[in-house]
Amino acid sequence: MLTDWLDFQRSTLLWKCEGLDGPDLARRGVSPSALSLLGLVRHMAIVEWWWFDHIFGASSSPEPISTVEDRDADFNDLDPGRAMADIDLFQRQCDVSRSIAADVESLDVVSGSSEKPPVSLRWIMIHMIEEYARHNGHADLLREQIDGAVGE
């Protein structure tokens, strides 16, 4: 059930981006916010990496979008010409997360990173559903502002 709800939330974010070109995806919402659909996609690629790969899996794989020089680079360093590449990056990172979760025998297995206190895979999945739900609300408003499209 958690896997299905998480995939539903992931798909909802992509659905909000469907049919838009790079400039529309990079279009910012209401000032002073730096939110954009593309920024949300990039942000969630990092969040997927952080919780599944980095914290749970204790992997040393590099952050998919570097935030070393700008902690908000996911929202600030947008290139409309790379929008489709960023969406592909997001989808690949979701695939990595799915693979990590599928290889675990129980949702009660705890994270391997010493960077944060241990949390279970169940906790991470519930947290990710919450994270997507919050940002998908933002995506609803951003998409409506771009072309009037609203969700069901």
N, C-alpha and C. Protein backbone atom coordinates (compact mmCIF):
# COMPACT_ATOMS: atom_id res chain seq x y z
N MET A 1 0.82 -1.18 0.00
CA MET A 1 0.00 0.00 0.00
C MET A 1 0.88 1.26 0.00
N LEU A 2 1.93 1.27 0.82
CA LEU A 2 2.81 2.43 0.86
C LEU A 2 3.50 2.65 -0.48
N THR A 3 3.95 1.58 -1.10
CA THR A 3 4.60 1.68 -2.41
C THR A 3 3.63 2.26 -3.44
N ASP A 4 2.39 1.79 -3.43
CA ASP A 4 1.39 2.29 -4.38
C ASP A 4 1.09 3.77 -4.16
N TRP A 5 0.93 4.18 -2.91
CA TRP A 5 0.65 5.59 -2.62
C TRP A 5 1.84 6.47 -2.99
N LEU A 6 3.05 5.99 -2.72
CA LEU A 6 4.23 6.77 -3.09
C LEU A 6 4.34 6.90 -4.60
N ASP A 7 4.10 5.81 -5.33
CA ASP A 7 4.12 5.89 -6.80
C ASP A 7 3.02 6.80 -7.33
N PHE A 8 1.85 6.80 -6.68
CA PHE A 8 0.78 7.71 -7.07
C PHE A 8 1.23 9.16 -6.93
N GLN A 9 1.89 9.47 -5.83
CA GLN A 9 2.36 10.84 -5.61
C GLN A 9 3.44 11.22 -6.62
N ARG A 10 4.35 10.28 -6.90
CA ARG A 10 5.40 10.54 -7.90
C ARG A 10 4.76 10.83 -9.27
N SER A 11 3.79 10.02 -9.63
CA SER A 11 3.10 10.18 -10.92
C SER A 11 2.32 11.48 -10.99
N THR A 12 1.77 11.90 -9.87
CA THR A 12 1.02 13.15 -9.84
C THR A 12 1.93 14.33 -10.17
N LEU A 13 3.13 14.34 -9.61
CA LEU A 13 4.06 15.42 -9.92
C LEU A 13 4.39 15.44 -11.41
N LEU A 14 4.64 14.29 -11.98
CA LEU A 14 4.92 14.23 -13.43
C LEU A 14 3.70 14.65 -14.24
N TRP A 15 2.52 14.27 -13.80
CA TRP A 15 1.28 14.64 -14.50
C TRP A 15 1.13 16.15 -14.55
N LYS A 16 1.50 16.83 -13.47
CA LYS A 16 1.40 18.29 -13.44
C LYS A 16 2.34 18.94 -14.45
N CYS A 17 3.36 18.20 -14.88
CA CYS A 17 4.34 18.73 -15.84
C CYS A 17 4.00 18.38 -17.29
N GLU A 18 3.07 17.45 -17.49
CA GLU A 18 2.77 16.97 -18.84
C GLU A 18 2.32 18.09 -19.76
N GLY A 19 2.85 18.04 -20.99
CA GLY A 19 2.43 18.96 -22.03
C GLY A 19 3.05 20.34 -21.95
N LEU A 20 3.92 20.58 -20.98
CA LEU A 20 4.56 21.89 -20.86
C LEU A 20 5.97 21.83 -21.42
N ASP A 21 6.44 22.96 -21.95
CA ASP A 21 7.80 23.03 -22.46
C ASP A 21 8.72 23.57 -21.35
N GLY A 22 10.00 23.62 -21.65
CA GLY A 22 11.00 24.05 -20.68
C GLY A 22 10.72 25.40 -20.04
N PRO A 23 10.44 26.44 -20.85
CA PRO A 23 10.17 27.74 -20.24
C PRO A 23 8.96 27.73 -19.29
N ASP A 24 7.90 27.00 -19.67
CA ASP A 24 6.75 26.93 -18.78
C ASP A 24 7.09 26.17 -17.50
N LEU A 25 7.85 25.08 -17.64
CA LEU A 25 8.23 24.30 -16.46
C LEU A 25 9.11 25.10 -15.51
N ALA A 26 9.93 25.99 -16.06
CA ALA A 26 10.83 26.80 -15.24
C ALA A 26 10.17 28.07 -14.71
N ARG A 27 8.97 28.36 -15.17
CA ARG A 27 8.27 29.59 -14.76
C ARG A 27 8.02 29.59 -13.26
N ARG A 28 8.39 30.66 -12.63
CA ARG A 28 8.25 30.80 -11.18
C ARG A 28 6.82 31.16 -10.82
N GLY A 29 6.45 30.78 -9.61
CA GLY A 29 5.11 31.08 -9.12
C GLY A 29 5.02 32.51 -8.62
N VAL A 30 4.42 32.67 -7.50
CA VAL A 30 4.17 33.98 -6.92
C VAL A 30 5.42 34.47 -6.18
N SER A 31 5.83 35.69 -6.48
CA SER A 31 6.98 36.29 -5.82
C SER A 31 6.67 36.46 -4.32
N PRO A 32 7.59 36.27 -3.45
CA PRO A 32 9.03 36.08 -3.64
C PRO A 32 9.44 34.62 -3.75
N SER A 33 8.50 33.71 -3.87
CA SER A 33 8.81 32.29 -3.92
C SER A 33 9.60 31.94 -5.18
N ALA A 34 10.54 31.02 -5.03
CA ALA A 34 11.31 30.53 -6.17
C ALA A 34 10.71 29.24 -6.72
N LEU A 35 9.52 28.87 -6.25
CA LEU A 35 8.91 27.61 -6.69
C LEU A 35 8.56 27.65 -8.17
N SER A 36 8.84 26.52 -8.81
CA SER A 36 8.42 26.27 -10.19
C SER A 36 8.21 24.77 -10.30
N LEU A 37 7.51 24.34 -11.32
CA LEU A 37 7.32 22.91 -11.52
C LEU A 37 8.67 22.21 -11.72
N LEU A 38 9.53 22.81 -12.52
CA LEU A 38 10.84 22.22 -12.75
C LEU A 38 11.65 22.17 -11.45
N GLY A 39 11.57 23.22 -10.66
CA GLY A 39 12.26 23.22 -9.38
C GLY A 39 11.75 22.12 -8.46
N LEU A 40 10.44 21.90 -8.47
CA LEU A 40 9.87 20.82 -7.65
C LEU A 40 10.37 19.46 -8.11
N VAL A 41 10.43 19.25 -9.41
CA VAL A 41 10.93 17.98 -9.95
C VAL A 41 12.39 17.79 -9.53
N ARG A 42 13.19 18.83 -9.66
CA ARG A 42 14.61 18.74 -9.28
C ARG A 42 14.74 18.52 -7.77
N HIS A 43 13.94 19.22 -7.00
CA HIS A 43 13.96 19.07 -5.55
C HIS A 43 13.63 17.64 -5.14
N MET A 44 12.59 17.08 -5.75
CA MET A 44 12.18 15.73 -5.38
C MET A 44 13.21 14.68 -5.84
N ALA A 45 13.96 14.96 -6.89
CA ALA A 45 15.05 14.05 -7.27
C ALA A 45 16.08 14.00 -6.14
N ILE A 46 16.37 15.16 -5.58
CA ILE A 46 17.32 15.21 -4.45
C ILE A 46 16.74 14.52 -3.23
N VAL A 47 15.46 14.76 -2.93
CA VAL A 47 14.83 14.16 -1.76
C VAL A 47 14.80 12.63 -1.89
N GLU A 48 14.48 12.14 -3.09
CA GLU A 48 14.51 10.69 -3.33
C GLU A 48 15.91 10.15 -3.02
N TRP A 49 16.93 10.80 -3.58
CA TRP A 49 18.31 10.38 -3.35
C TRP A 49 18.63 10.43 -1.86
N TRP A 50 18.30 11.54 -1.21
CA TRP A 50 18.66 11.73 0.19
C TRP A 50 18.12 10.61 1.08
N TRP A 51 16.82 10.35 0.98
CA TRP A 51 16.22 9.40 1.91
C TRP A 51 16.47 7.94 1.56
N PHE A 52 16.34 7.58 0.30
CA PHE A 52 16.49 6.17 -0.07
C PHE A 52 17.94 5.76 -0.25
N ASP A 53 18.67 6.50 -1.06
CA ASP A 53 20.03 6.11 -1.42
C ASP A 53 21.03 6.50 -0.33
N HIS A 54 21.00 7.75 0.08
CA HIS A 54 22.00 8.28 0.99
C HIS A 54 21.75 7.87 2.45
N ILE A 55 20.55 8.09 2.95
CA ILE A 55 20.27 7.78 4.36
C ILE A 55 19.95 6.30 4.56
N PHE A 56 18.96 5.78 3.86
CA PHE A 56 18.59 4.38 4.08
C PHE A 56 19.69 3.44 3.59
N GLY A 57 20.14 3.63 2.36
CA GLY A 57 21.13 2.74 1.77
C GLY A 57 22.56 3.03 2.17
N ALA A 58 22.79 4.18 2.82
CA ALA A 58 24.14 4.59 3.23
C ALA A 58 25.11 4.58 2.05
N SER A 59 24.60 4.95 0.89
CA SER A 59 25.41 4.97 -0.33
C SER A 59 26.27 6.22 -0.36
N SER A 60 27.40 6.11 -1.04
CA SER A 60 28.27 7.27 -1.23
C SER A 60 28.06 7.89 -2.62
N SER A 61 26.97 7.52 -3.28
CA SER A 61 26.70 8.09 -4.60
C SER A 61 26.52 9.61 -4.47
N PRO A 62 26.95 10.36 -5.48
CA PRO A 62 26.86 11.81 -5.39
C PRO A 62 25.41 12.31 -5.47
N GLU A 63 25.19 13.45 -4.87
CA GLU A 63 23.90 14.11 -4.94
C GLU A 63 23.55 14.34 -6.41
N PRO A 64 22.32 14.04 -6.83
CA PRO A 64 21.99 14.13 -8.26
C PRO A 64 22.04 15.56 -8.81
N ILE A 65 21.83 16.53 -7.96
CA ILE A 65 21.95 17.95 -8.32
C ILE A 65 22.74 18.59 -7.19
N SER A 66 23.91 19.09 -7.50
CA SER A 66 24.77 19.61 -6.45
C SER A 66 24.17 20.86 -5.79
N THR A 67 24.15 20.81 -4.46
CA THR A 67 23.71 21.97 -3.68
C THR A 67 24.86 22.49 -2.82
N VAL A 68 26.09 22.15 -3.19
CA VAL A 68 27.26 22.56 -2.41
C VAL A 68 27.39 24.08 -2.39
N GLU A 69 27.34 24.70 -3.55
CA GLU A 69 27.51 26.15 -3.63
C GLU A 69 26.23 26.91 -3.34
N ASP A 70 25.09 26.30 -3.59
CA ASP A 70 23.79 26.94 -3.34
C ASP A 70 22.85 25.86 -2.83
N ARG A 71 22.50 25.93 -1.56
CA ARG A 71 21.67 24.87 -0.97
C ARG A 71 20.29 24.79 -1.63
N ASP A 72 19.90 25.83 -2.34
CA ASP A 72 18.63 25.83 -3.06
C ASP A 72 18.83 25.76 -4.58
N ALA A 73 19.92 25.17 -5.01
CA ALA A 73 20.22 25.07 -6.44
C ALA A 73 19.12 24.34 -7.19
N ASP A 74 18.43 23.40 -6.52
CA ASP A 74 17.34 22.68 -7.17
C ASP A 74 16.26 23.64 -7.65
N PHE A 75 16.05 24.72 -6.94
CA PHE A 75 15.06 25.72 -7.33
C PHE A 75 15.67 26.91 -8.07
N ASN A 76 16.92 27.21 -7.81
CA ASN A 76 17.53 28.43 -8.34
C ASN A 76 18.29 28.24 -9.64
N ASP A 77 18.86 27.08 -9.86
CA ASP A 77 19.73 26.84 -11.01
C ASP A 77 18.96 26.14 -12.13
N LEU A 78 17.94 26.82 -12.64
CA LEU A 78 17.07 26.21 -13.65
C LEU A 78 17.54 26.56 -15.05
N ASP A 79 17.53 25.56 -15.91
CA ASP A 79 17.83 25.76 -17.32
C ASP A 79 16.66 25.16 -18.11
N PRO A 80 15.78 26.01 -18.64
CA PRO A 80 14.63 25.48 -19.39
C PRO A 80 15.02 24.52 -20.50
N GLY A 81 16.19 24.71 -21.08
CA GLY A 81 16.66 23.82 -22.14
C GLY A 81 17.00 22.42 -21.64
N ARG A 82 17.17 22.27 -20.33
CA ARG A 82 17.48 20.96 -19.75
C ARG A 82 16.28 20.38 -19.01
N ALA A 83 15.10 20.94 -19.19
CA ALA A 83 13.92 20.50 -18.44
C ALA A 83 13.65 19.01 -18.62
N MET A 84 13.69 18.53 -19.84
CA MET A 84 13.40 17.11 -20.07
C MET A 84 14.49 16.23 -19.45
N ALA A 85 15.74 16.69 -19.49
CA ALA A 85 16.83 15.94 -18.85
C ALA A 85 16.62 15.89 -17.34
N ASP A 86 16.12 16.98 -16.76
CA ASP A 86 15.85 16.99 -15.32
C ASP A 86 14.69 16.06 -14.97
N ILE A 87 13.69 16.00 -15.82
CA ILE A 87 12.58 15.07 -15.59
C ILE A 87 13.09 13.63 -15.69
N ASP A 88 13.95 13.37 -16.67
CA ASP A 88 14.55 12.03 -16.78
C ASP A 88 15.38 11.69 -15.55
N LEU A 89 16.14 12.66 -15.06
CA LEU A 89 16.93 12.46 -13.84
C LEU A 89 16.02 12.10 -12.67
N PHE A 90 14.92 12.81 -12.52
CA PHE A 90 13.94 12.52 -11.47
C PHE A 90 13.43 11.08 -11.60
N GLN A 91 13.05 10.69 -12.81
CA GLN A 91 12.52 9.35 -13.01
C GLN A 91 13.57 8.28 -12.71
N ARG A 92 14.80 8.52 -13.09
CA ARG A 92 15.88 7.56 -12.79
C ARG A 92 16.10 7.45 -11.28
N GLN A 93 16.03 8.59 -10.59
CA GLN A 93 16.23 8.56 -9.15
C GLN A 93 15.07 7.82 -8.46
N CYS A 94 13.85 8.00 -8.98
CA CYS A 94 12.71 7.23 -8.45
C CYS A 94 12.92 5.74 -8.67
N ASP A 95 13.47 5.37 -9.83
CA ASP A 95 13.75 3.96 -10.10
C ASP A 95 14.78 3.41 -9.11
N VAL A 96 15.80 4.19 -8.78
CA VAL A 96 16.79 3.77 -7.79
C VAL A 96 16.09 3.56 -6.44
N SER A 97 15.23 4.50 -6.06
CA SER A 97 14.52 4.39 -4.79
C SER A 97 13.63 3.15 -4.76
N ARG A 98 12.92 2.90 -5.85
CA ARG A 98 12.07 1.71 -5.94
C ARG A 98 12.89 0.44 -5.77
N SER A 99 14.03 0.41 -6.43
CA SER A 99 14.91 -0.76 -6.36
C SER A 99 15.42 -0.99 -4.94
N ILE A 100 15.82 0.08 -4.28
CA ILE A 100 16.30 -0.04 -2.90
C ILE A 100 15.19 -0.59 -2.02
N ALA A 101 13.99 -0.05 -2.14
CA ALA A 101 12.86 -0.50 -1.31
C ALA A 101 12.48 -1.94 -1.63
N ALA A 102 12.54 -2.32 -2.89
CA ALA A 102 12.16 -3.69 -3.29
C ALA A 102 13.14 -4.74 -2.78
N ASP A 103 14.38 -4.34 -2.56
CA ASP A 103 15.40 -5.29 -2.12
C ASP A 103 15.42 -5.50 -0.61
N VAL A 104 14.54 -4.82 0.10
CA VAL A 104 14.51 -4.93 1.57
C VAL A 104 13.43 -5.92 1.97
N GLU A 105 13.76 -6.79 2.91
CA GLU A 105 12.82 -7.85 3.31
C GLU A 105 11.68 -7.37 4.19
N SER A 106 11.82 -6.19 4.80
CA SER A 106 10.78 -5.71 5.70
C SER A 106 10.80 -4.19 5.77
N LEU A 107 9.64 -3.61 5.93
CA LEU A 107 9.54 -2.15 6.11
C LEU A 107 10.12 -1.72 7.45
N ASP A 108 10.40 -2.67 8.31
CA ASP A 108 10.95 -2.35 9.63
C ASP A 108 12.47 -2.28 9.64
N VAL A 109 13.12 -2.60 8.53
CA VAL A 109 14.57 -2.47 8.44
C VAL A 109 14.91 -0.99 8.58
N VAL A 110 15.98 -0.70 9.33
CA VAL A 110 16.34 0.70 9.58
C VAL A 110 17.49 1.15 8.69
N SER A 111 17.60 2.45 8.56
CA SER A 111 18.60 3.08 7.70
C SER A 111 20.01 2.73 8.15
N GLY A 112 20.91 2.77 7.16
CA GLY A 112 22.29 2.39 7.41
C GLY A 112 23.23 3.55 7.62
N SER A 113 22.80 4.77 7.32
CA SER A 113 23.67 5.92 7.46
C SER A 113 23.81 6.33 8.92
N SER A 114 25.00 6.75 9.28
CA SER A 114 25.20 7.27 10.64
C SER A 114 25.01 8.78 10.68
N GLU A 115 24.64 9.35 9.55
CA GLU A 115 24.46 10.81 9.46
C GLU A 115 23.22 11.29 10.21
N LYS A 116 22.24 10.43 10.34
CA LYS A 116 21.01 10.75 11.05
C LYS A 116 20.67 9.57 11.95
N PRO A 117 19.86 9.80 12.98
CA PRO A 117 19.42 8.66 13.79
C PRO A 117 18.67 7.65 12.90
N PRO A 118 18.76 6.37 13.22
CA PRO A 118 18.12 5.35 12.38
C PRO A 118 16.61 5.55 12.26
N VAL A 119 16.13 5.37 11.05
CA VAL A 119 14.68 5.38 10.78
C VAL A 119 14.37 4.16 9.93
N SER A 120 13.15 3.67 10.05
CA SER A 120 12.75 2.49 9.28
C SER A 120 12.39 2.88 7.85
N LEU A 121 12.41 1.89 6.98
CA LEU A 121 11.95 2.11 5.61
C LEU A 121 10.50 2.56 5.63
N ARG A 122 9.70 2.02 6.53
CA ARG A 122 8.30 2.44 6.66
C ARG A 122 8.22 3.94 6.94
N TRP A 123 9.04 4.42 7.88
CA TRP A 123 9.04 5.85 8.21
C TRP A 123 9.40 6.67 6.98
N ILE A 124 10.44 6.24 6.25
CA ILE A 124 10.87 6.97 5.05
C ILE A 124 9.75 7.01 4.02
N MET A 125 9.09 5.91 3.79
CA MET A 125 8.02 5.89 2.78
C MET A 125 6.87 6.80 3.19
N ILE A 126 6.49 6.77 4.45
CA ILE A 126 5.41 7.66 4.92
C ILE A 126 5.85 9.11 4.81
N HIS A 127 7.08 9.38 5.19
CA HIS A 127 7.60 10.75 5.06
C HIS A 127 7.59 11.21 3.61
N MET A 128 7.99 10.33 2.70
CA MET A 128 8.03 10.69 1.28
C MET A 128 6.62 10.95 0.73
N ILE A 129 5.65 10.17 1.15
CA ILE A 129 4.26 10.42 0.73
C ILE A 129 3.83 11.81 1.20
N GLU A 130 4.16 12.15 2.44
CA GLU A 130 3.82 13.48 2.97
C GLU A 130 4.54 14.57 2.19
N GLU A 131 5.82 14.36 1.89
CA GLU A 131 6.61 15.35 1.16
C GLU A 131 6.02 15.59 -0.23
N TYR A 132 5.70 14.51 -0.93
CA TYR A 132 5.08 14.65 -2.26
C TYR A 132 3.71 15.32 -2.17
N ALA A 133 2.90 14.92 -1.20
CA ALA A 133 1.55 15.49 -1.09
C ALA A 133 1.63 17.00 -0.91
N ARG A 134 2.55 17.45 -0.07
CA ARG A 134 2.72 18.89 0.16
C ARG A 134 3.15 19.59 -1.12
N HIS A 135 4.16 19.04 -1.78
CA HIS A 135 4.66 19.68 -2.99
C HIS A 135 3.70 19.53 -4.17
N ASN A 136 2.93 18.46 -4.21
CA ASN A 136 1.94 18.34 -5.27
C ASN A 136 0.84 19.39 -5.12
N GLY A 137 0.57 19.82 -3.90
CA GLY A 137 -0.34 20.95 -3.71
C GLY A 137 0.24 22.21 -4.33
N HIS A 138 1.54 22.41 -4.14
CA HIS A 138 2.21 23.54 -4.79
C HIS A 138 2.11 23.39 -6.31
N ALA A 139 2.35 22.17 -6.80
CA ALA A 139 2.32 21.92 -8.25
C ALA A 139 0.94 22.22 -8.82
N ASP A 140 -0.12 21.89 -8.08
CA ASP A 140 -1.48 22.22 -8.53
C ASP A 140 -1.61 23.72 -8.79
N LEU A 141 -1.17 24.51 -7.84
CA LEU A 141 -1.29 25.97 -7.97
C LEU A 141 -0.40 26.51 -9.09
N LEU A 142 0.82 25.99 -9.20
CA LEU A 142 1.71 26.44 -10.26
C LEU A 142 1.15 26.12 -11.63
N ARG A 143 0.64 24.91 -11.81
CA ARG A 143 0.09 24.53 -13.12
C ARG A 143 -1.13 25.38 -13.46
N GLU A 144 -1.99 25.61 -12.49
CA GLU A 144 -3.16 26.44 -12.75
C GLU A 144 -2.75 27.85 -13.16
N GLN A 145 -1.70 28.37 -12.55
CA GLN A 145 -1.21 29.70 -12.88
C GLN A 145 -0.65 29.75 -14.31
N ILE A 146 -0.06 28.65 -14.78
CA ILE A 146 0.55 28.62 -16.10
C ILE A 146 -0.52 28.59 -17.20
N ASP A 147 -1.46 27.65 -17.11
CA ASP A 147 -2.40 27.50 -18.22
C ASP A 147 -3.84 27.21 -17.80
N GLY A 148 -4.10 27.35 -16.52
CA GLY A 148 -5.48 27.15 -16.04
C GLY A 148 -5.85 25.70 -15.77
N ALA A 149 -4.95 24.77 -16.09
CA ALA A 149 -5.26 23.34 -15.85
C ALA A 149 -5.34 23.07 -14.36
N VAL A 150 -6.37 22.34 -13.98
CA VAL A 150 -6.54 21.99 -12.57
C VAL A 150 -6.68 20.48 -12.45
N GLY A 151 -6.35 19.97 -11.26
CA GLY A 151 -6.42 18.53 -11.02
C GLY A 151 -7.82 18.09 -10.71
N GLU A 152 -7.94 16.78 -10.59
CA GLU A 152 -9.24 16.17 -10.28
C GLU A 152 -9.29 15.82 -8.82
